[in-house]
Amino acid sequence: MRQAEDVFTHRASRAHEPLRTFHPRRAALGRDRTDALDRLFPRWGFSVDDERAAPPRTADGLLDTAALFGRTAPLVLEIGSGMGDATAAMAAADPDRDWLAVEAHLPGVAALLVLVEREGLTNVRVAHGDALRLLRASVAPGSLDAVHAFFPDPWPKARHHKRRLVQPVHVDLVRDRLRVGGTFHVATDWADYAAQAAEVLAADPALEGGVVPRPAHRPVTRFEQRGLDLGHEVTDLVVRRVR
C-alpha cells in the first residue's frame, strides 16, 4: 500500500490559485496497476507537484518537451485523461503528434501506462496531478497544438459551478498556451454544462468555433457509452485560437 508521503500525493491548493476542478481522492490500485506505476511511471511519467518525480525542464524552468519525448513534434495536452483508453487510441492513430495526458487519479495514470506499454506507444507521456497547475507554471505560451477535456467533472450543484473547468479564467489560460490555429476540444454529457461552456467559449474574441458533431478521431469510451446507454446526450465543442 502506497503511503501518504509518496510522490503521488496532491499538494494543497495555494491561496492565490483558482479552486480545483476535480475531487482529489485515493483509490485502491490492485497488483497490476501498482506494478505499472513502479515500473513504468519513472520511464513515461512525472509528477506535477513533487520534485522527486519532476519532468525535464528548460533553463527558464518550463517543461522541456523535446527532452520529455525525445523529439520535437506538435503537442496535445489531455486534461483529465480518465482511464486512458481514448488517449491511447488517439495517440496510436496520430503518431506524428505527441500526447501529454494529465490525470489527477492514480488508477487512471496506471491504466494508461499499461496501455502505453501494451500498445508500444512512443508518443505518450503521463503526468499525475492538476493539469491547470501544470499549464500555469510549466507550459510555455503558444506551445500546444491542442488541448482536450473530455467529460470533465460536471459539478452539477449550482453552488459548485465555480469549480467547473470551462470558465473564463481557465479558458484564458488554455488559449494562451495554444498556438494560433491550435484547438480546444471539450466533450460533456451534461446539457447545462454544455450550454455554459458554449457561452464561455463564444465570449472569447480570440476563439472561433462551437458545437460540432462528434469528431471521428474522438473514440467513444466505456464511460461515455454507459452514459449513452442511459440516454445521455453528448455535446462536443471545438474552438480554434485565431489570434
C-alpha atoms as a PDB file:
ATOM      1  CA  MET A   1       0.000   0.000   0.000  1.00  0.00           C
ATOM      2  CA  ARG A   2       1.403   3.366  -1.001  1.00  0.00           C
ATOM      3  CA  GLN A   3       1.902   5.836   1.825  1.00  0.00           C
ATOM      4  CA  ALA A   4       0.624   9.411   2.078  1.00  0.00           C
ATOM      5  CA  GLU A   5       4.125  10.834   1.671  1.00  0.00           C
ATOM      6  CA  ASP A   6       4.839   9.210  -1.705  1.00  0.00           C
ATOM      7  CA  VAL A   7       5.236  11.227  -4.919  1.00  0.00           C
ATOM      8  CA  PHE A   8       1.578  10.702  -5.802  1.00  0.00           C
ATOM      9  CA  THR A   9       0.251  12.912  -3.017  1.00  0.00           C
ATOM     10  CA  HIS A  10      -1.633  16.046  -4.134  1.00  0.00           C
ATOM     11  CA  ARG A  11      -0.207  19.295  -2.846  1.00  0.00           C
ATOM     12  CA  ALA A  12      -2.802  21.546  -1.218  1.00  0.00           C
ATOM     13  CA  SER A  13      -4.000  24.491  -3.286  1.00  0.00           C
ATOM     14  CA  ARG A  14      -2.376  27.816  -2.534  1.00  0.00           C
ATOM     15  CA  ALA A  15      -4.429  30.852  -1.601  1.00  0.00           C
ATOM     16  CA  HIS A  16      -3.902  32.645  -4.934  1.00  0.00           C
ATOM     17  CA  GLU A  17      -4.753  29.631  -7.102  1.00  0.00           C
ATOM     18  CA  PRO A  18      -8.225  29.007  -8.551  1.00  0.00           C
ATOM     19  CA  LEU A  19     -10.339  26.299  -6.948  1.00  0.00           C
ATOM     20  CA  ARG A  20      -9.630  22.744  -8.014  1.00  0.00           C
ATOM     21  CA  THR A  21     -11.792  21.410 -10.809  1.00  0.00           C
ATOM     22  CA  PHE A  22     -11.564  17.801  -9.581  1.00  0.00           C
ATOM     23  CA  HIS A  23     -12.091  15.801  -6.401  1.00  0.00           C
ATOM     24  CA  PRO A  24      -8.674  14.752  -5.027  1.00  0.00           C
ATOM     25  CA  ARG A  25      -9.072  11.188  -3.793  1.00  0.00           C
ATOM     26  CA  ARG A  26      -7.137   7.983  -3.290  1.00  0.00           C
ATOM     27  CA  ALA A  27      -8.268   4.619  -4.589  1.00  0.00           C
ATOM     28  CA  ALA A  28      -7.120   1.042  -4.426  1.00  0.00           C
ATOM     29  CA  LEU A  29      -4.887   0.121  -7.347  1.00  0.00           C
ATOM     30  CA  GLY A  30      -4.556  -3.648  -7.312  1.00  0.00           C
ATOM     31  CA  ARG A  31      -1.414  -5.593  -8.096  1.00  0.00           C
ATOM     32  CA  ASP A  32      -1.194  -4.953 -11.854  1.00  0.00           C
ATOM     33  CA  ARG A  33      -1.623  -1.199 -11.626  1.00  0.00           C
ATOM     34  CA  THR A  34       0.741  -0.928  -8.690  1.00  0.00           C
ATOM     35  CA  ASP A  35       3.296  -2.817 -10.763  1.00  0.00           C
ATOM     36  CA  ALA A  36       2.692  -0.447 -13.695  1.00  0.00           C
ATOM     37  CA  LEU A  37       3.352   2.588 -11.511  1.00  0.00           C
ATOM     38  CA  ASP A  38       6.502   1.081 -10.058  1.00  0.00           C
ATOM     39  CA  ARG A  39       7.947   0.013 -13.412  1.00  0.00           C
ATOM     40  CA  LEU A  40       6.596   2.490 -15.931  1.00  0.00           C
ATOM     41  CA  PHE A  41       5.966   5.797 -14.162  1.00  0.00           C
ATOM     42  CA  PRO A  42       9.697   6.581 -13.795  1.00  0.00           C
ATOM     43  CA  ARG A  43      10.076   5.984 -17.544  1.00  0.00           C
ATOM     44  CA  TRP A  44       6.973   7.634 -19.024  1.00  0.00           C
ATOM     45  CA  GLY A  45       5.507   9.671 -16.194  1.00  0.00           C
ATOM     46  CA  PHE A  46       6.143  12.634 -13.961  1.00  0.00           C
ATOM     47  CA  SER A  47       4.544  14.450 -11.049  1.00  0.00           C
ATOM     48  CA  VAL A  48       3.080  17.916 -11.323  1.00  0.00           C
ATOM     49  CA  ASP A  49       3.715  18.558  -7.618  1.00  0.00           C
ATOM     50  CA  ASP A  50       6.666  16.514  -6.391  1.00  0.00           C
ATOM     51  CA  GLU A  51      10.224  17.403  -7.369  1.00  0.00           C
ATOM     52  CA  ARG A  52      11.314  13.811  -6.711  1.00  0.00           C
ATOM     53  CA  ALA A  53       9.447  12.840  -9.883  1.00  0.00           C
ATOM     54  CA  ALA A  54       9.700  16.129 -11.764  1.00  0.00           C
ATOM     55  CA  PRO A  55       9.774  16.389 -15.568  1.00  0.00           C
ATOM     56  CA  PRO A  56      12.758  17.682 -17.551  1.00  0.00           C
ATOM     57  CA  ARG A  57      12.811  21.462 -17.678  1.00  0.00           C
ATOM     58  CA  THR A  58      14.369  24.116 -19.857  1.00  0.00           C
ATOM     59  CA  ALA A  59      16.785  26.699 -18.475  1.00  0.00           C
ATOM     60  CA  ASP A  60      13.858  29.012 -17.709  1.00  0.00           C
ATOM     61  CA  GLY A  61      12.045  26.328 -15.719  1.00  0.00           C
ATOM     62  CA  LEU A  62       9.401  25.354 -18.257  1.00  0.00           C
ATOM     63  CA  LEU A  63       8.526  21.853 -19.395  1.00  0.00           C
ATOM     64  CA  ASP A  64      11.178  20.581 -21.817  1.00  0.00           C
ATOM     65  CA  THR A  65       9.012  18.620 -24.209  1.00  0.00           C
ATOM     66  CA  ALA A  66      11.891  17.776 -26.551  1.00  0.00           C
ATOM     67  CA  ALA A  67      13.706  16.047 -23.686  1.00  0.00           C
ATOM     68  CA  LEU A  68      10.482  14.501 -22.384  1.00  0.00           C
ATOM     69  CA  PHE A  69       9.556  12.858 -25.702  1.00  0.00           C
ATOM     70  CA  GLY A  70      12.974  12.610 -27.297  1.00  0.00           C
ATOM     71  CA  ARG A  71      11.869  14.644 -30.309  1.00  0.00           C
ATOM     72  CA  THR A  72      10.186  17.887 -31.347  1.00  0.00           C
ATOM     73  CA  ALA A  73       6.594  17.420 -32.535  1.00  0.00           C
ATOM     74  CA  PRO A  74       3.187  19.121 -32.142  1.00  0.00           C
ATOM     75  CA  LEU A  75       1.903  18.545 -28.617  1.00  0.00           C
ATOM     76  CA  VAL A  76      -1.610  17.631 -27.471  1.00  0.00           C
ATOM     77  CA  LEU A  77      -2.423  18.047 -23.775  1.00  0.00           C
ATOM     78  CA  GLU A  78      -5.234  15.970 -22.269  1.00  0.00           C
ATOM     79  CA  ILE A  79      -6.869  17.486 -19.185  1.00  0.00           C
ATOM     80  CA  GLY A  80      -8.161  14.541 -17.183  1.00  0.00           C
ATOM     81  CA  SER A  81      -7.425  11.515 -19.338  1.00  0.00           C
ATOM     82  CA  GLY A  82      -9.535   9.175 -17.192  1.00  0.00           C
ATOM     83  CA  MET A  83      -8.607   5.535 -17.682  1.00  0.00           C
ATOM     84  CA  GLY A  84      -6.613   6.469 -20.764  1.00  0.00           C
ATOM     85  CA  ASP A  85      -8.378   4.427 -23.428  1.00  0.00           C
ATOM     86  CA  ALA A  86      -9.284   7.477 -25.552  1.00  0.00           C
ATOM     87  CA  THR A  87      -5.802   8.945 -25.206  1.00  0.00           C
ATOM     88  CA  ALA A  88      -4.113   5.700 -26.202  1.00  0.00           C
ATOM     89  CA  ALA A  89      -6.389   5.213 -29.211  1.00  0.00           C
ATOM     90  CA  MET A  90      -5.918   8.768 -30.487  1.00  0.00           C
ATOM     91  CA  ALA A  91      -2.159   8.708 -29.955  1.00  0.00           C
ATOM     92  CA  ALA A  92      -1.871   5.404 -31.814  1.00  0.00           C
ATOM     93  CA  ALA A  93      -3.845   6.850 -34.728  1.00  0.00           C
ATOM     94  CA  ASP A  94      -1.835  10.096 -34.792  1.00  0.00           C
ATOM     95  CA  PRO A  95       1.835   9.188 -34.314  1.00  0.00           C
ATOM     96  CA  ASP A  96       3.129  12.480 -35.720  1.00  0.00           C
ATOM     97  CA  ARG A  97       1.917  14.333 -32.636  1.00  0.00           C
ATOM     98  CA  ASP A  98       2.974  13.879 -29.015  1.00  0.00           C
ATOM     99  CA  TRP A  99       0.352  13.380 -26.300  1.00  0.00           C
ATOM    100  CA  LEU A 100       0.703  14.522 -22.693  1.00  0.00           C
ATOM    101  CA  ALA A 101      -2.079  13.075 -20.540  1.00  0.00           C
ATOM    102  CA  VAL A 102      -2.561  14.801 -17.177  1.00  0.00           C
ATOM    103  CA  GLU A 103      -4.675  12.848 -14.703  1.00  0.00           C
ATOM    104  CA  ALA A 104      -5.294  13.518 -11.012  1.00  0.00           C
ATOM    105  CA  HIS A 105      -6.337   9.995 -10.044  1.00  0.00           C
ATOM    106  CA  LEU A 106      -3.812   7.191  -9.762  1.00  0.00           C
ATOM    107  CA  PRO A 107      -5.908   4.352 -11.226  1.00  0.00           C
ATOM    108  CA  GLY A 108      -6.170   6.339 -14.464  1.00  0.00           C
ATOM    109  CA  VAL A 109      -2.447   7.102 -14.520  1.00  0.00           C
ATOM    110  CA  ALA A 110      -1.639   3.431 -14.003  1.00  0.00           C
ATOM    111  CA  ALA A 111      -4.209   2.222 -16.545  1.00  0.00           C
ATOM    112  CA  LEU A 112      -2.811   4.484 -19.258  1.00  0.00           C
ATOM    113  CA  LEU A 113       0.745   3.366 -18.511  1.00  0.00           C
ATOM    114  CA  VAL A 114      -0.407  -0.225 -19.005  1.00  0.00           C
ATOM    115  CA  LEU A 115      -1.904   0.724 -22.386  1.00  0.00           C
ATOM    116  CA  VAL A 116       1.232   2.598 -23.443  1.00  0.00           C
ATOM    117  CA  GLU A 117       3.327  -0.488 -22.758  1.00  0.00           C
ATOM    118  CA  ARG A 118       0.839  -2.921 -24.289  1.00  0.00           C
ATOM    119  CA  GLU A 119       0.407  -0.897 -27.499  1.00  0.00           C
ATOM    120  CA  GLY A 120       4.070   0.057 -27.816  1.00  0.00           C
ATOM    121  CA  LEU A 121       3.245   3.777 -27.914  1.00  0.00           C
ATOM    122  CA  THR A 122       6.260   6.066 -28.040  1.00  0.00           C
ATOM    123  CA  ASN A 123       4.382   9.372 -28.277  1.00  0.00           C
ATOM    124  CA  VAL A 124       2.563   9.345 -24.910  1.00  0.00           C
ATOM    125  CA  ARG A 125       3.687  10.648 -21.534  1.00  0.00           C
ATOM    126  CA  VAL A 126       1.586  10.729 -18.357  1.00  0.00           C
ATOM    127  CA  ALA A 127       1.569  13.383 -15.648  1.00  0.00           C
ATOM    128  CA  HIS A 128      -0.051  12.912 -12.255  1.00  0.00           C
ATOM    129  CA  GLY A 129      -1.662  15.987 -10.761  1.00  0.00           C
ATOM    130  CA  ASP A 130      -3.631  19.100 -11.604  1.00  0.00           C
ATOM    131  CA  ALA A 131      -3.457  19.972 -15.314  1.00  0.00           C
ATOM    132  CA  LEU A 132      -4.277  23.621 -14.658  1.00  0.00           C
ATOM    133  CA  ARG A 133      -1.380  23.917 -12.244  1.00  0.00           C
ATOM    134  CA  LEU A 134       0.910  22.390 -14.862  1.00  0.00           C
ATOM    135  CA  LEU A 135      -0.386  24.804 -17.509  1.00  0.00           C
ATOM    136  CA  ARG A 136       0.103  27.821 -15.259  1.00  0.00           C
ATOM    137  CA  ALA A 137       3.574  27.001 -14.019  1.00  0.00           C
ATOM    138  CA  SER A 138       5.298  24.867 -16.618  1.00  0.00           C
ATOM    139  CA  VAL A 139       3.834  25.133 -20.126  1.00  0.00           C
ATOM    140  CA  ALA A 140       5.114  27.846 -22.445  1.00  0.00           C
ATOM    141  CA  PRO A 141       2.638  30.226 -24.081  1.00  0.00           C
ATOM    142  CA  GLY A 142       1.799  29.276 -27.648  1.00  0.00           C
ATOM    143  CA  SER A 143       3.357  25.826 -27.325  1.00  0.00           C
ATOM    144  CA  LEU A 144       0.352  23.487 -27.584  1.00  0.00           C
ATOM    145  CA  ASP A 145      -1.217  22.170 -30.773  1.00  0.00           C
ATOM    146  CA  ALA A 146      -4.403  21.110 -28.995  1.00  0.00           C
ATOM    147  CA  VAL A 147      -5.972  20.794 -25.560  1.00  0.00           C
ATOM    148  CA  HIS A 148      -8.627  18.161 -24.872  1.00  0.00           C
ATOM    149  CA  ALA A 149     -11.009  17.993 -21.915  1.00  0.00           C
ATOM    150  CA  PHE A 150     -13.308  15.024 -22.328  1.00  0.00           C
ATOM    151  CA  PHE A 151     -16.071  14.663 -19.734  1.00  0.00           C
ATOM    152  CA  PRO A 152     -14.649  16.924 -17.033  1.00  0.00           C
ATOM    153  CA  ASP A 153     -16.350  16.785 -13.648  1.00  0.00           C
ATOM    154  CA  PRO A 154     -19.740  18.489 -14.208  1.00  0.00           C
ATOM    155  CA  TRP A 155     -20.078  19.801 -10.642  1.00  0.00           C
ATOM    156  CA  PRO A 156     -23.873  19.687 -11.042  1.00  0.00           C
ATOM    157  CA  LYS A 157     -24.863  21.644  -7.924  1.00  0.00           C
ATOM    158  CA  ALA A 158     -25.210  25.353  -8.649  1.00  0.00           C
ATOM    159  CA  ARG A 159     -23.033  26.331  -5.688  1.00  0.00           C
ATOM    160  CA  HIS A 160     -20.198  24.252  -7.182  1.00  0.00           C
ATOM    161  CA  HIS A 161     -20.325  25.665 -10.723  1.00  0.00           C
ATOM    162  CA  LYS A 162     -17.355  27.876  -9.869  1.00  0.00           C
ATOM    163  CA  ARG A 163     -15.282  24.682  -9.827  1.00  0.00           C
ATOM    164  CA  ARG A 164     -16.083  23.758 -13.405  1.00  0.00           C
ATOM    165  CA  LEU A 165     -13.168  23.590 -15.796  1.00  0.00           C
ATOM    166  CA  VAL A 166     -14.746  25.632 -18.584  1.00  0.00           C
ATOM    167  CA  GLN A 167     -14.981  29.122 -17.161  1.00  0.00           C
ATOM    168  CA  PRO A 168     -13.300  32.362 -18.286  1.00  0.00           C
ATOM    169  CA  VAL A 169     -10.197  32.222 -16.077  1.00  0.00           C
ATOM    170  CA  HIS A 170      -9.344  28.703 -17.245  1.00  0.00           C
ATOM    171  CA  VAL A 171     -10.224  29.358 -20.883  1.00  0.00           C
ATOM    172  CA  ASP A 172      -7.878  32.358 -20.812  1.00  0.00           C
ATOM    173  CA  LEU A 173      -5.099  30.066 -19.617  1.00  0.00           C
ATOM    174  CA  VAL A 174      -5.775  27.357 -22.190  1.00  0.00           C
ATOM    175  CA  ARG A 175      -5.992  29.859 -25.041  1.00  0.00           C
ATOM    176  CA  ASP A 176      -2.691  31.484 -24.034  1.00  0.00           C
ATOM    177  CA  ARG A 177      -0.917  28.102 -24.116  1.00  0.00           C
ATOM    178  CA  LEU A 178      -2.322  27.170 -27.533  1.00  0.00           C
ATOM    179  CA  ARG A 179      -0.530  28.210 -30.690  1.00  0.00           C
ATOM    180  CA  VAL A 180      -2.503  30.379 -33.092  1.00  0.00           C
ATOM    181  CA  GLY A 181      -4.517  27.804 -35.021  1.00  0.00           C
ATOM    182  CA  GLY A 182      -4.499  25.371 -32.103  1.00  0.00           C
ATOM    183  CA  THR A 183      -7.750  23.857 -30.861  1.00  0.00           C
ATOM    184  CA  PHE A 184      -9.543  23.351 -27.557  1.00  0.00           C
ATOM    185  CA  HIS A 185     -11.932  20.379 -27.630  1.00  0.00           C
ATOM    186  CA  VAL A 186     -14.441  19.818 -24.808  1.00  0.00           C
ATOM    187  CA  ALA A 187     -16.966  16.984 -24.564  1.00  0.00           C
ATOM    188  CA  THR A 188     -19.653  16.638 -21.903  1.00  0.00           C
ATOM    189  CA  ASP A 189     -22.864  14.701 -21.337  1.00  0.00           C
ATOM    190  CA  TRP A 190     -24.391  17.327 -19.049  1.00  0.00           C
ATOM    191  CA  ALA A 191     -26.696  19.624 -21.028  1.00  0.00           C
ATOM    192  CA  ASP A 192     -26.417  22.635 -18.710  1.00  0.00           C
ATOM    193  CA  TYR A 193     -22.629  22.344 -18.659  1.00  0.00           C
ATOM    194  CA  ALA A 194     -22.589  22.192 -22.461  1.00  0.00           C
ATOM    195  CA  ALA A 195     -24.693  25.359 -22.622  1.00  0.00           C
ATOM    196  CA  GLN A 196     -22.455  27.162 -20.123  1.00  0.00           C
ATOM    197  CA  ALA A 197     -19.286  26.026 -21.897  1.00  0.00           C
ATOM    198  CA  ALA A 198     -20.610  27.165 -25.272  1.00  0.00           C
ATOM    199  CA  GLU A 199     -21.404  30.591 -23.807  1.00  0.00           C
ATOM    200  CA  VAL A 200     -17.981  30.966 -22.176  1.00  0.00           C
ATOM    201  CA  LEU A 201     -16.069  29.866 -25.281  1.00  0.00           C
ATOM    202  CA  ALA A 202     -18.126  32.110 -27.569  1.00  0.00           C
ATOM    203  CA  ALA A 203     -17.343  35.110 -25.355  1.00  0.00           C
ATOM    204  CA  ASP A 204     -13.602  34.854 -26.015  1.00  0.00           C
ATOM    205  CA  PRO A 205     -12.817  37.007 -29.072  1.00  0.00           C
ATOM    206  CA  ALA A 206      -9.628  35.075 -29.806  1.00  0.00           C
ATOM    207  CA  LEU A 207     -11.506  31.781 -30.211  1.00  0.00           C
ATOM    208  CA  GLU A 208     -13.755  30.676 -33.053  1.00  0.00           C
ATOM    209  CA  GLY A 209     -15.965  27.603 -33.276  1.00  0.00           C
ATOM    210  CA  GLY A 210     -18.571  25.941 -31.130  1.00  0.00           C
ATOM    211  CA  VAL A 211     -20.743  22.843 -31.056  1.00  0.00           C
ATOM    212  CA  VAL A 212     -19.770  20.213 -33.641  1.00  0.00           C
ATOM    213  CA  PRO A 213     -20.759  16.618 -34.385  1.00  0.00           C
ATOM    214  CA  ARG A 214     -18.527  14.159 -32.555  1.00  0.00           C
ATOM    215  CA  PRO A 215     -15.230  14.197 -34.488  1.00  0.00           C
ATOM    216  CA  ALA A 216     -14.346  10.774 -35.844  1.00  0.00           C
ATOM    217  CA  HIS A 217     -10.948  10.928 -34.142  1.00  0.00           C
ATOM    218  CA  ARG A 218     -12.524  11.052 -30.657  1.00  0.00           C
ATOM    219  CA  PRO A 219     -13.253   7.469 -29.614  1.00  0.00           C
ATOM    220  CA  VAL A 220     -16.367   6.582 -27.658  1.00  0.00           C
ATOM    221  CA  THR A 221     -15.019   5.387 -24.318  1.00  0.00           C
ATOM    222  CA  ARG A 222     -16.618   2.885 -21.977  1.00  0.00           C
ATOM    223  CA  PHE A 223     -17.517   5.747 -19.647  1.00  0.00           C
ATOM    224  CA  GLU A 224     -19.231   7.617 -22.466  1.00  0.00           C
ATOM    225  CA  GLN A 225     -21.032   4.519 -23.714  1.00  0.00           C
ATOM    226  CA  ARG A 226     -22.540   3.944 -20.280  1.00  0.00           C
ATOM    227  CA  GLY A 227     -23.952   7.447 -20.419  1.00  0.00           C
ATOM    228  CA  LEU A 228     -25.297   6.946 -23.924  1.00  0.00           C
ATOM    229  CA  ASP A 229     -26.958   3.731 -22.804  1.00  0.00           C
ATOM    230  CA  LEU A 230     -28.702   5.752 -20.083  1.00  0.00           C
ATOM    231  CA  GLY A 231     -29.961   8.238 -22.653  1.00  0.00           C
ATOM    232  CA  HIS A 232     -27.412  10.994 -22.036  1.00  0.00           C
ATOM    233  CA  GLU A 233     -26.765  13.355 -24.943  1.00  0.00           C
ATOM    234  CA  VAL A 234     -23.103  14.129 -25.565  1.00  0.00           C
ATOM    235  CA  THR A 235     -22.048  17.563 -26.786  1.00  0.00           C
ATOM    236  CA  ASP A 236     -18.689  18.228 -28.446  1.00  0.00           C
ATOM    237  CA  LEU A 237     -17.364  21.771 -28.601  1.00  0.00           C
ATOM    238  CA  VAL A 238     -14.281  22.604 -30.654  1.00  0.00           C
ATOM    239  CA  VAL A 239     -12.819  26.111 -30.799  1.00  0.00           C
ATOM    240  CA  ARG A 240      -9.690  27.349 -32.543  1.00  0.00           C
ATOM    241  CA  ARG A 241      -7.369  30.138 -31.442  1.00  0.00           C
ATOM    242  CA  VAL A 242      -7.421  32.703 -34.217  1.00  0.00           C
ATOM    243  CA  ARG A 243      -5.134  35.357 -32.729  1.00  0.00           C
END
